[in-house]
């Protein structure tokens, strides 16, 4: 299963795994968010599961409204 994560920003805990494609980042200190919505929708339609934090950010950005109703259900 592919997990949809955002790139970590900041000085601490920079450890990062290999990414398939960069779809956005979130910096909680500066409160900056960048989302590549077409790429995120592509991966969600293909079955990628967002992590809890990413799911919260996508709900605030109203990205799930662009998906079909039967595709907006995640574990």
C-alpha atoms as a PDB file:
ATOM      1  CA  UNK A   1       0.000   0.000   0.000  1.00  0.00           C
ATOM      2  CA  UNK A   2       1.223   3.475  -0.835  1.00  0.00           C
ATOM      3  CA  UNK A   3       0.984   6.091   1.926  1.00  0.00           C
ATOM      4  CA  UNK A   4       0.456   9.708   0.950  1.00  0.00           C
ATOM      5  CA  UNK A   5       2.793  11.903   3.036  1.00  0.00           C
ATOM      6  CA  UNK A   6       3.972  15.474   2.851  1.00  0.00           C
ATOM      7  CA  UNK A   7       7.648  16.420   2.959  1.00  0.00           C
ATOM      8  CA  UNK A   8       8.958  17.327   6.384  1.00  0.00           C
ATOM      9  CA  UNK A   9      10.377  20.805   6.836  1.00  0.00           C
ATOM     10  CA  UNK A  10      12.385  22.215   9.683  1.00  0.00           C
ATOM     11  CA  UNK A  11      15.642  21.557  11.472  1.00  0.00           C
ATOM     12  CA  UNK A  12      14.804  18.566  13.648  1.00  0.00           C
ATOM     13  CA  UNK A  13      13.849  15.074  12.534  1.00  0.00           C
ATOM     14  CA  UNK A  14      14.845  15.537   8.925  1.00  0.00           C
ATOM     15  CA  UNK A  15      14.919  11.787   8.291  1.00  0.00           C
ATOM     16  CA  UNK A  16      13.000  11.155   5.124  1.00  0.00           C
ATOM     17  CA  UNK A  17      12.301   8.058   3.069  1.00  0.00           C
ATOM     18  CA  UNK A  18      12.467   7.853  -0.685  1.00  0.00           C
ATOM     19  CA  UNK A  19       9.535   9.514  -2.409  1.00  0.00           C
ATOM     20  CA  UNK A  20       7.717   8.390  -5.538  1.00  0.00           C
ATOM     21  CA  UNK A  21       6.650  11.939  -6.355  1.00  0.00           C
ATOM     22  CA  UNK A  22       6.654  15.185  -4.428  1.00  0.00           C
ATOM     23  CA  UNK A  23       3.050  16.223  -3.838  1.00  0.00           C
ATOM     24  CA  UNK A  24       3.512  18.974  -1.267  1.00  0.00           C
ATOM     25  CA  UNK A  25       5.001  20.104   2.016  1.00  0.00           C
ATOM     26  CA  UNK A  26       3.873  21.424   5.374  1.00  0.00           C
ATOM     27  CA  UNK A  27       5.934  23.558   7.752  1.00  0.00           C
ATOM     28  CA  UNK A  28       4.109  23.799  11.091  1.00  0.00           C
ATOM     29  CA  UNK A  29       6.476  26.434  12.486  1.00  0.00           C
ATOM     30  CA  UNK A  30       5.916  28.921   9.652  1.00  0.00           C
ATOM     31  CA  UNK A  31       2.380  27.589   9.089  1.00  0.00           C
ATOM     32  CA  UNK A  32       3.082  27.142   5.365  1.00  0.00           C
ATOM     33  CA  UNK A  33       1.396  24.510   3.242  1.00  0.00           C
ATOM     34  CA  UNK A  34       1.880  23.693  -0.420  1.00  0.00           C
ATOM     35  CA  UNK A  35      -0.295  21.038  -2.059  1.00  0.00           C
ATOM     36  CA  UNK A  36      -0.026  19.800  -5.634  1.00  0.00           C
ATOM     37  CA  UNK A  37      -3.747  18.997  -5.821  1.00  0.00           C
ATOM     38  CA  UNK A  38      -3.785  17.275  -9.262  1.00  0.00           C
ATOM     39  CA  UNK A  39      -0.982  14.921  -8.183  1.00  0.00           C
ATOM     40  CA  UNK A  40      -2.692  14.233  -4.832  1.00  0.00           C
ATOM     41  CA  UNK A  41      -5.994  13.434  -6.554  1.00  0.00           C
ATOM     42  CA  UNK A  42      -4.190  11.132  -8.986  1.00  0.00           C
ATOM     43  CA  UNK A  43      -2.633   9.086  -6.174  1.00  0.00           C
ATOM     44  CA  UNK A  44      -5.857   8.996  -4.157  1.00  0.00           C
ATOM     45  CA  UNK A  45      -7.762   7.699  -7.187  1.00  0.00           C
ATOM     46  CA  UNK A  46      -5.126   4.989  -7.654  1.00  0.00           C
ATOM     47  CA  UNK A  47      -5.634   3.784  -4.060  1.00  0.00           C
ATOM     48  CA  UNK A  48      -3.008   5.629  -2.007  1.00  0.00           C
ATOM     49  CA  UNK A  49      -3.953   6.098   1.658  1.00  0.00           C
ATOM     50  CA  UNK A  50      -3.180   9.468   3.318  1.00  0.00           C
ATOM     51  CA  UNK A  51      -1.605   9.492   6.759  1.00  0.00           C
ATOM     52  CA  UNK A  52      -3.620  10.987   9.612  1.00  0.00           C
ATOM     53  CA  UNK A  53      -1.949  14.382   9.452  1.00  0.00           C
ATOM     54  CA  UNK A  54      -2.200  14.562   5.673  1.00  0.00           C
ATOM     55  CA  UNK A  55      -5.864  13.585   5.852  1.00  0.00           C
ATOM     56  CA  UNK A  56      -6.534  16.472   8.272  1.00  0.00           C
ATOM     57  CA  UNK A  57      -4.696  18.947   6.019  1.00  0.00           C
ATOM     58  CA  UNK A  58      -6.562  17.730   2.936  1.00  0.00           C
ATOM     59  CA  UNK A  59      -9.902  18.087   4.740  1.00  0.00           C
ATOM     60  CA  UNK A  60      -9.068  21.693   5.660  1.00  0.00           C
ATOM     61  CA  UNK A  61      -8.082  22.390   2.045  1.00  0.00           C
ATOM     62  CA  UNK A  62     -11.340  20.744   0.862  1.00  0.00           C
ATOM     63  CA  UNK A  63      -9.506  18.412  -1.511  1.00  0.00           C
ATOM     64  CA  UNK A  64     -11.852  15.503  -0.764  1.00  0.00           C
ATOM     65  CA  UNK A  65     -14.787  17.409  -2.265  1.00  0.00           C
ATOM     66  CA  UNK A  66     -13.148  16.976  -5.673  1.00  0.00           C
ATOM     67  CA  UNK A  67     -13.227  13.165  -5.388  1.00  0.00           C
ATOM     68  CA  UNK A  68     -16.242  11.033  -6.179  1.00  0.00           C
ATOM     69  CA  UNK A  69     -18.315  10.253  -3.052  1.00  0.00           C
ATOM     70  CA  UNK A  70     -17.441   6.542  -3.105  1.00  0.00           C
ATOM     71  CA  UNK A  71     -13.692   7.288  -3.297  1.00  0.00           C
ATOM     72  CA  UNK A  72     -13.547   9.592  -0.261  1.00  0.00           C
ATOM     73  CA  UNK A  73     -13.597   6.725   2.281  1.00  0.00           C
ATOM     74  CA  UNK A  74     -10.249   5.921   3.884  1.00  0.00           C
ATOM     75  CA  UNK A  75      -9.169   3.600   6.676  1.00  0.00           C
END
